Each structure stands twice: as C-alpha cells, then as structure tokens.
Amino acid sequence: MKKIAALCILLLMVGSMAFTAPKKSSSSNPPKSDVAILVIDMQNDFVLPGAVLCVAGAQPTIPTIQDLIKYGRSQNWPIIYIIREHRPTGVDVDAPRIPLFTDGKPGYCVPGTKGCEIVKGLEPEEGDIIVSKRRNSGFFQTELDMILRRMGVKTVILSGTQYPNCVRGTAADAMSYDYNTVICTDACSAKTKEVADANIFDMKNMGITCIPLAEVKKTKF
C-alpha cells in the first residue's frame, strides 16, 4: 500500500508539473516600424584599403551611412546589418570565389577574423539586428524577410556595398517580396563611379527608388 500511495503522489506531482503555466518571457516584443534601414557588407574585407575584396568606393561612404543610421534612429527605424560569413574551408562560398580559399589562401569574411568585422565607425548598437548571408542577396536563404514582416516593415532603405553585387541583389529581391525598395545612393558604393551610375540607372528602370540621403530625410515613407 505504501508503494502504491507513493506512486500516486509521484504521478500527481508529474501531472502538476506538466500543466504548470509557463512563465512569461522577460524579453520585449520586436519593435514595430514601417521602415527599416539595411546596412550591407560594410565589413573590413570589403571596405579597408588593401583588403582582399576591397571596394574602392566603400570607405568614403562611411560618414553618409553614419548620418543615415543616426537619422533612422531618430525615427525609431530598426537598423539591420547584413553581413557575409563563410566557413574557413570555403565550402559555402560562391563558386567563382572558391580560389580565395584554396592553396593556403585565408579566404574572406571568416567569423573570428578581423576581415569579417563590421568596419570601425559603423559598429552595431544594442538592439540592432545582424543577419548573416552566404550569397549576394540579403534575402537568399536567410531570415531577413521573416524579421521584416514580424516588425511590420513595408519600406527598406538600402546602404552599403557594392552596387552590382550585394546592393543590387538585395534590392531586386526586396522588390520581388513587395517591399517599397529605396536605394540611398550616396550611402552605397562600387569600385568606380561609372559602375555605380550604371547600376543606379538600371535599378531606377526596374522601379526601385534611388535617391540621396538629403531626399531620404525629406520623404515620408
């Protein structure tokens, strides 16, 4: 009888634990905003002179991106950093860039290396979001779309580097997902002005808004 009683008590305890209401999470709900700023690939391996994949026009855009971020914070817009990250073996890198990881080469944007870090002056602040990608588009096989929709974002303002690759790839996918897509032209970069201008021309014809920071600040999104 004692064994049966003890078993009954144990079963009651287990049942009580199973139906105990979970404690409320102490974390705050995700911020809600119609607009988000995307900062694309502003990492040392793409920005610093002499870096393995340095984009000549990237470093000069840092002050403008700083200004854009400052303005975005004043509007309570979320800041989302989209960064490249690759395994040291290069097993997840774009096929044309595999040679950068072979024959003893260190590759690029490998987590834990200086090159993978976001460039000085654009460091994320508490509450900013970082999304890691493996290809040009910030949407390709990432959680970016899910995050934007959870926050209620309708407009994305793009900044970063570089125009023909990651900026354009992310912009095209943003448009495909029906986001109002805005390129902050003086906060984005390419290797040359000619490359930048050609891509701006193309994206305007695609229906993407391409305006400088001064116009971004005047526009009601």
C-alpha atoms as a PDB file:
ATOM      1  CA  MET A   1       0.000   0.000   0.000  1.00  0.00           C
ATOM      2  CA  LYS A   2       2.827   2.400   0.858  1.00  0.00           C
ATOM      3  CA  LYS A   3       4.364   1.805  -2.570  1.00  0.00           C
ATOM      4  CA  ILE A   4       1.017   2.451  -4.286  1.00  0.00           C
ATOM      5  CA  ALA A   5       0.496   5.644  -2.284  1.00  0.00           C
ATOM      6  CA  ALA A   6       3.979   6.872  -3.106  1.00  0.00           C
ATOM      7  CA  LEU A   7       3.400   6.137  -6.796  1.00  0.00           C
ATOM      8  CA  CYS A   8       0.126   8.088  -6.724  1.00  0.00           C
ATOM      9  CA  ILE A   9       1.838  11.074  -5.111  1.00  0.00           C
ATOM     10  CA  LEU A  10       4.603  10.956  -7.736  1.00  0.00           C
ATOM     11  CA  LEU A  11       2.048  10.844 -10.556  1.00  0.00           C
ATOM     12  CA  LEU A  12       0.210  13.829  -9.094  1.00  0.00           C
ATOM     13  CA  MET A  13       3.494  15.773  -8.894  1.00  0.00           C
ATOM     14  CA  VAL A  14       4.368  14.975 -12.512  1.00  0.00           C
ATOM     15  CA  GLY A  15       0.880  15.910 -13.665  1.00  0.00           C
ATOM     16  CA  SER A  16       1.102  19.192 -11.789  1.00  0.00           C
ATOM     17  CA  MET A  17       4.459  19.991 -13.442  1.00  0.00           C
ATOM     18  CA  ALA A  18       3.134  19.143 -16.904  1.00  0.00           C
ATOM     19  CA  PHE A  19       0.250  21.565 -16.644  1.00  0.00           C
ATOM     20  CA  THR A  20       2.046  24.415 -14.925  1.00  0.00           C
ATOM     21  CA  ALA A  21       1.617  27.570 -16.993  1.00  0.00           C
ATOM     22  CA  PRO A  22       4.947  28.702 -18.487  1.00  0.00           C
ATOM     23  CA  LYS A  23       6.425  31.918 -17.153  1.00  0.00           C
ATOM     24  CA  LYS A  24       6.143  34.933 -19.387  1.00  0.00           C
ATOM     25  CA  SER A  25       9.289  35.770 -21.279  1.00  0.00           C
ATOM     26  CA  SER A  26      11.173  38.748 -19.913  1.00  0.00           C
ATOM     27  CA  SER A  27      12.251  39.742 -23.423  1.00  0.00           C
ATOM     28  CA  SER A  28      10.449  42.657 -25.066  1.00  0.00           C
ATOM     29  CA  ASN A  29       8.360  42.287 -28.193  1.00  0.00           C
ATOM     30  CA  PRO A  30      10.085  43.029 -31.512  1.00  0.00           C
ATOM     31  CA  PRO A  31       9.865  46.716 -32.482  1.00  0.00           C
ATOM     32  CA  LYS A  32       7.183  47.698 -34.962  1.00  0.00           C
ATOM     33  CA  SER A  33       8.093  50.028 -37.808  1.00  0.00           C
ATOM     34  CA  ASP A  34       7.009  50.724 -41.372  1.00  0.00           C
ATOM     35  CA  VAL A  35      10.627  51.432 -42.388  1.00  0.00           C
ATOM     36  CA  ALA A  36      13.934  49.648 -41.811  1.00  0.00           C
ATOM     37  CA  ILE A  37      17.500  50.547 -42.780  1.00  0.00           C
ATOM     38  CA  LEU A  38      19.698  47.807 -44.230  1.00  0.00           C
ATOM     39  CA  VAL A  39      23.474  48.213 -43.963  1.00  0.00           C
ATOM     40  CA  ILE A  40      25.040  45.759 -46.391  1.00  0.00           C
ATOM     41  CA  ASP A  41      28.529  44.214 -46.224  1.00  0.00           C
ATOM     42  CA  MET A  42      30.327  47.121 -44.558  1.00  0.00           C
ATOM     43  CA  GLN A  43      32.999  44.743 -43.297  1.00  0.00           C
ATOM     44  CA  ASN A  44      36.750  45.185 -43.235  1.00  0.00           C
ATOM     45  CA  ASP A  45      37.362  42.684 -46.042  1.00  0.00           C
ATOM     46  CA  PHE A  46      35.249  44.843 -48.371  1.00  0.00           C
ATOM     47  CA  VAL A  47      35.991  48.325 -47.048  1.00  0.00           C
ATOM     48  CA  LEU A  48      39.580  48.727 -45.870  1.00  0.00           C
ATOM     49  CA  PRO A  49      42.212  49.664 -48.481  1.00  0.00           C
ATOM     50  CA  GLY A  50      44.324  46.650 -49.357  1.00  0.00           C
ATOM     51  CA  ALA A  51      41.708  44.180 -48.118  1.00  0.00           C
ATOM     52  CA  VAL A  52      41.183  41.023 -50.144  1.00  0.00           C
ATOM     53  CA  LEU A  53      37.960  42.267 -51.765  1.00  0.00           C
ATOM     54  CA  CYS A  54      38.228  45.995 -51.164  1.00  0.00           C
ATOM     55  CA  VAL A  55      35.603  48.103 -52.953  1.00  0.00           C
ATOM     56  CA  ALA A  56      37.301  51.410 -53.708  1.00  0.00           C
ATOM     57  CA  GLY A  57      34.185  53.484 -53.113  1.00  0.00           C
ATOM     58  CA  ALA A  58      33.132  51.860 -49.840  1.00  0.00           C
ATOM     59  CA  GLN A  59      35.244  53.647 -47.246  1.00  0.00           C
ATOM     60  CA  PRO A  60      34.221  57.173 -48.362  1.00  0.00           C
ATOM     61  CA  THR A  61      30.555  56.303 -47.747  1.00  0.00           C
ATOM     62  CA  ILE A  62      31.049  55.653 -44.019  1.00  0.00           C
ATOM     63  CA  PRO A  63      30.127  59.219 -42.932  1.00  0.00           C
ATOM     64  CA  THR A  64      26.948  59.168 -45.030  1.00  0.00           C
ATOM     65  CA  ILE A  65      25.943  55.776 -43.664  1.00  0.00           C
ATOM     66  CA  GLN A  66      26.598  57.085 -40.148  1.00  0.00           C
ATOM     67  CA  ASP A  67      24.290  60.011 -40.904  1.00  0.00           C
ATOM     68  CA  LEU A  68      21.636  57.703 -42.354  1.00  0.00           C
ATOM     69  CA  ILE A  69      21.756  55.471 -39.282  1.00  0.00           C
ATOM     70  CA  LYS A  70      21.562  58.490 -36.970  1.00  0.00           C
ATOM     71  CA  TYR A  71      18.517  59.760 -38.844  1.00  0.00           C
ATOM     72  CA  GLY A  72      16.948  56.301 -38.779  1.00  0.00           C
ATOM     73  CA  ARG A  73      17.392  56.052 -35.019  1.00  0.00           C
ATOM     74  CA  SER A  74      15.719  59.460 -34.608  1.00  0.00           C
ATOM     75  CA  GLN A  75      12.718  58.000 -36.485  1.00  0.00           C
ATOM     76  CA  ASN A  76      12.800  54.774 -34.439  1.00  0.00           C
ATOM     77  CA  TRP A  77      13.534  52.755 -37.570  1.00  0.00           C
ATOM     78  CA  PRO A  78      15.247  49.411 -36.934  1.00  0.00           C
ATOM     79  CA  ILE A  79      18.834  49.112 -38.182  1.00  0.00           C
ATOM     80  CA  ILE A  80      19.652  45.765 -39.755  1.00  0.00           C
ATOM     81  CA  TYR A  81      23.237  44.858 -40.606  1.00  0.00           C
ATOM     82  CA  ILE A  82      23.562  42.291 -43.381  1.00  0.00           C
ATOM     83  CA  ILE A  83      26.964  40.650 -43.362  1.00  0.00           C
ATOM     84  CA  ARG A  84      28.875  37.978 -45.243  1.00  0.00           C
ATOM     85  CA  GLU A  85      30.154  34.980 -43.296  1.00  0.00           C
ATOM     86  CA  HIS A  86      31.926  31.936 -44.708  1.00  0.00           C
ATOM     87  CA  ARG A  87      33.479  28.812 -43.230  1.00  0.00           C
ATOM     88  CA  PRO A  88      37.294  28.705 -43.297  1.00  0.00           C
ATOM     89  CA  THR A  89      37.234  25.925 -45.906  1.00  0.00           C
ATOM     90  CA  GLY A  90      35.142  27.996 -48.305  1.00  0.00           C
ATOM     91  CA  VAL A  91      32.664  25.144 -48.649  1.00  0.00           C
ATOM     92  CA  ASP A  92      29.756  27.615 -48.569  1.00  0.00           C
ATOM     93  CA  VAL A  93      31.252  30.347 -50.776  1.00  0.00           C
ATOM     94  CA  ASP A  94      30.138  31.370 -54.289  1.00  0.00           C
ATOM     95  CA  ALA A  95      31.827  29.135 -56.851  1.00  0.00           C
ATOM     96  CA  PRO A  96      33.811  31.950 -58.561  1.00  0.00           C
ATOM     97  CA  ARG A  97      35.423  32.824 -55.208  1.00  0.00           C
ATOM     98  CA  ILE A  98      36.499  29.320 -54.200  1.00  0.00           C
ATOM     99  CA  PRO A  99      40.113  30.099 -55.288  1.00  0.00           C
ATOM    100  CA  LEU A 100      40.299  32.689 -52.484  1.00  0.00           C
ATOM    101  CA  PHE A 101      40.068  29.789 -50.012  1.00  0.00           C
ATOM    102  CA  THR A 102      42.446  27.329 -51.687  1.00  0.00           C
ATOM    103  CA  ASP A 103      46.234  26.869 -51.844  1.00  0.00           C
ATOM    104  CA  GLY A 104      46.713  28.305 -48.378  1.00  0.00           C
ATOM    105  CA  LYS A 105      44.737  31.482 -49.027  1.00  0.00           C
ATOM    106  CA  PRO A 106      42.792  32.698 -45.962  1.00  0.00           C
ATOM    107  CA  GLY A 107      39.549  33.457 -47.771  1.00  0.00           C
ATOM    108  CA  TYR A 108      37.403  36.359 -46.660  1.00  0.00           C
ATOM    109  CA  CYS A 109      34.697  37.183 -44.121  1.00  0.00           C
ATOM    110  CA  VAL A 110      35.543  34.185 -41.959  1.00  0.00           C
ATOM    111  CA  PRO A 111      33.978  34.611 -38.497  1.00  0.00           C
ATOM    112  CA  GLY A 112      36.576  35.360 -35.849  1.00  0.00           C
ATOM    113  CA  THR A 113      38.887  37.184 -38.266  1.00  0.00           C
ATOM    114  CA  LYS A 114      39.439  40.928 -38.458  1.00  0.00           C
ATOM    115  CA  GLY A 115      38.215  40.951 -42.031  1.00  0.00           C
ATOM    116  CA  CYS A 116      34.794  39.692 -41.029  1.00  0.00           C
ATOM    117  CA  GLU A 117      34.225  42.509 -38.543  1.00  0.00           C
ATOM    118  CA  ILE A 118      31.997  45.465 -39.350  1.00  0.00           C
ATOM    119  CA  VAL A 119      34.183  48.453 -40.164  1.00  0.00           C
ATOM    120  CA  LYS A 120      35.094  50.899 -37.426  1.00  0.00           C
ATOM    121  CA  GLY A 121      32.599  53.729 -37.155  1.00  0.00           C
ATOM    122  CA  LEU A 122      29.603  51.605 -38.116  1.00  0.00           C
ATOM    123  CA  GLU A 123      29.562  49.217 -35.172  1.00  0.00           C
ATOM    124  CA  PRO A 124      26.072  47.963 -34.306  1.00  0.00           C
ATOM    125  CA  GLU A 125      24.454  49.224 -31.122  1.00  0.00           C
ATOM    126  CA  GLU A 126      22.330  47.316 -28.644  1.00  0.00           C
ATOM    127  CA  GLY A 127      19.025  46.404 -30.249  1.00  0.00           C
ATOM    128  CA  ASP A 128      20.359  46.424 -33.817  1.00  0.00           C
ATOM    129  CA  ILE A 129      19.877  43.225 -35.803  1.00  0.00           C
ATOM    130  CA  ILE A 130      22.586  41.304 -37.651  1.00  0.00           C
ATOM    131  CA  VAL A 131      21.673  38.918 -40.461  1.00  0.00           C
ATOM    132  CA  SER A 132      24.348  36.634 -41.878  1.00  0.00           C
ATOM    133  CA  LYS A 133      24.281  35.625 -45.536  1.00  0.00           C
ATOM    134  CA  ARG A 134      26.294  33.444 -47.910  1.00  0.00           C
ATOM    135  CA  ARG A 135      25.361  34.977 -51.245  1.00  0.00           C
ATOM    136  CA  ASN A 136      24.785  38.415 -52.758  1.00  0.00           C
ATOM    137  CA  SER A 137      21.183  38.905 -51.692  1.00  0.00           C
ATOM    138  CA  GLY A 138      20.408  39.531 -48.054  1.00  0.00           C
ATOM    139  CA  PHE A 139      17.195  37.560 -48.603  1.00  0.00           C
ATOM    140  CA  PHE A 140      18.684  34.402 -50.110  1.00  0.00           C
ATOM    141  CA  GLN A 141      18.321  31.562 -47.574  1.00  0.00           C
ATOM    142  CA  THR A 142      18.291  33.992 -44.622  1.00  0.00           C
ATOM    143  CA  GLU A 143      15.682  35.036 -42.064  1.00  0.00           C
ATOM    144  CA  LEU A 144      15.608  38.656 -43.292  1.00  0.00           C
ATOM    145  CA  ASP A 145      12.114  38.525 -44.820  1.00  0.00           C
ATOM    146  CA  MET A 146      10.701  36.850 -41.709  1.00  0.00           C
ATOM    147  CA  ILE A 147      12.247  39.514 -39.453  1.00  0.00           C
ATOM    148  CA  LEU A 148      10.978  42.394 -41.587  1.00  0.00           C
ATOM    149  CA  ARG A 149       7.455  41.004 -41.720  1.00  0.00           C
ATOM    150  CA  ARG A 150       7.394  40.367 -37.965  1.00  0.00           C
ATOM    151  CA  MET A 151       8.244  44.033 -37.418  1.00  0.00           C
ATOM    152  CA  GLY A 152       5.633  45.189 -39.924  1.00  0.00           C
ATOM    153  CA  VAL A 153       8.175  46.754 -42.277  1.00  0.00           C
ATOM    154  CA  LYS A 154       6.866  47.962 -45.626  1.00  0.00           C
ATOM    155  CA  THR A 155       9.853  50.049 -46.833  1.00  0.00           C
ATOM    156  CA  VAL A 156      13.534  49.102 -46.794  1.00  0.00           C
ATOM    157  CA  ILE A 157      16.255  51.709 -47.285  1.00  0.00           C
ATOM    158  CA  LEU A 158      19.494  50.173 -48.533  1.00  0.00           C
ATOM    159  CA  SER A 159      23.030  51.308 -47.830  1.00  0.00           C
ATOM    160  CA  GLY A 160      26.423  49.629 -48.090  1.00  0.00           C
ATOM    161  CA  THR A 161      28.492  47.884 -50.732  1.00  0.00           C
ATOM    162  CA  GLN A 162      28.669  47.102 -53.509  1.00  0.00           C
ATOM    163  CA  TYR A 163      26.209  48.225 -56.173  1.00  0.00           C
ATOM    164  CA  PRO A 164      26.433  45.452 -58.794  1.00  0.00           C
ATOM    165  CA  ASN A 165      26.525  42.563 -56.326  1.00  0.00           C
ATOM    166  CA  CYS A 166      25.021  42.656 -52.862  1.00  0.00           C
ATOM    167  CA  VAL A 167      23.232  46.000 -53.013  1.00  0.00           C
ATOM    168  CA  ARG A 168      21.549  45.198 -56.313  1.00  0.00           C
ATOM    169  CA  GLY A 169      20.860  41.569 -55.390  1.00  0.00           C
ATOM    170  CA  THR A 170      19.219  42.571 -52.114  1.00  0.00           C
ATOM    171  CA  ALA A 171      17.267  45.398 -53.775  1.00  0.00           C
ATOM    172  CA  ALA A 172      15.912  43.133 -56.523  1.00  0.00           C
ATOM    173  CA  ASP A 173      14.769  40.534 -54.010  1.00  0.00           C
ATOM    174  CA  ALA A 174      13.237  43.198 -51.747  1.00  0.00           C
ATOM    175  CA  MET A 175      11.203  44.413 -54.701  1.00  0.00           C
ATOM    176  CA  SER A 176      10.235  40.822 -55.542  1.00  0.00           C
ATOM    177  CA  TYR A 177       8.936  40.400 -51.972  1.00  0.00           C
ATOM    178  CA  ASP A 178       6.822  43.546 -52.495  1.00  0.00           C
ATOM    179  CA  TYR A 179       8.768  45.863 -50.211  1.00  0.00           C
ATOM    180  CA  ASN A 180       8.947  49.514 -51.164  1.00  0.00           C
ATOM    181  CA  THR A 181      12.634  49.495 -52.019  1.00  0.00           C
ATOM    182  CA  VAL A 182      14.797  52.597 -51.655  1.00  0.00           C
ATOM    183  CA  ILE A 183      18.481  52.924 -52.511  1.00  0.00           C
ATOM    184  CA  CYS A 184      20.220  55.703 -50.567  1.00  0.00           C
ATOM    185  CA  THR A 185      22.575  56.485 -53.441  1.00  0.00           C
ATOM    186  CA  ASP A 186      25.303  58.346 -51.558  1.00  0.00           C
ATOM    187  CA  ALA A 187      25.338  55.660 -48.862  1.00  0.00           C
ATOM    188  CA  CYS A 188      26.090  52.891 -51.372  1.00  0.00           C
ATOM    189  CA  SER A 189      29.277  52.247 -53.316  1.00  0.00           C
ATOM    190  CA  ALA A 190      31.043  50.489 -56.167  1.00  0.00           C
ATOM    191  CA  LYS A 191      34.588  50.189 -57.444  1.00  0.00           C
ATOM    192  CA  THR A 192      34.084  53.167 -59.747  1.00  0.00           C
ATOM    193  CA  LYS A 193      31.557  55.960 -60.251  1.00  0.00           C
ATOM    194  CA  GLU A 194      30.767  54.557 -63.692  1.00  0.00           C
ATOM    195  CA  VAL A 195      29.772  51.195 -62.190  1.00  0.00           C
ATOM    196  CA  ALA A 196      27.646  52.944 -59.560  1.00  0.00           C
ATOM    197  CA  ASP A 197      25.906  55.154 -62.112  1.00  0.00           C
ATOM    198  CA  ALA A 198      25.165  52.217 -64.437  1.00  0.00           C
ATOM    199  CA  ASN A 199      23.564  50.245 -61.623  1.00  0.00           C
ATOM    200  CA  ILE A 200      21.530  53.210 -60.409  1.00  0.00           C
ATOM    201  CA  PHE A 201      20.284  53.682 -63.978  1.00  0.00           C
ATOM    202  CA  ASP A 202      19.252  50.024 -64.203  1.00  0.00           C
ATOM    203  CA  MET A 203      17.575  49.923 -60.799  1.00  0.00           C
ATOM    204  CA  LYS A 204      15.594  53.079 -61.492  1.00  0.00           C
ATOM    205  CA  ASN A 205      14.296  51.419 -64.657  1.00  0.00           C
ATOM    206  CA  MET A 206      13.365  48.376 -62.553  1.00  0.00           C
ATOM    207  CA  GLY A 207      11.123  50.599 -60.421  1.00  0.00           C
ATOM    208  CA  ILE A 208      13.434  50.939 -57.445  1.00  0.00           C
ATOM    209  CA  THR A 209      13.613  54.381 -55.840  1.00  0.00           C
ATOM    210  CA  CYS A 210      17.172  55.735 -55.953  1.00  0.00           C
ATOM    211  CA  ILE A 211      17.656  58.965 -54.004  1.00  0.00           C
ATOM    212  CA  PRO A 212      20.434  60.607 -51.950  1.00  0.00           C
ATOM    213  CA  LEU A 213      20.286  60.930 -48.166  1.00  0.00           C
ATOM    214  CA  ALA A 214      19.013  64.515 -48.342  1.00  0.00           C
ATOM    215  CA  GLU A 215      15.949  63.268 -50.226  1.00  0.00           C
ATOM    216  CA  VAL A 216      15.511  60.320 -47.859  1.00  0.00           C
ATOM    217  CA  LYS A 217      15.197  62.795 -44.992  1.00  0.00           C
ATOM    218  CA  LYS A 218      12.531  64.777 -46.868  1.00  0.00           C
ATOM    219  CA  THR A 219      10.449  61.773 -47.870  1.00  0.00           C
ATOM    220  CA  LYS A 220       7.512  60.434 -45.875  1.00  0.00           C
ATOM    221  CA  PHE A 221       7.599  56.657 -46.259  1.00  0.00           C
END
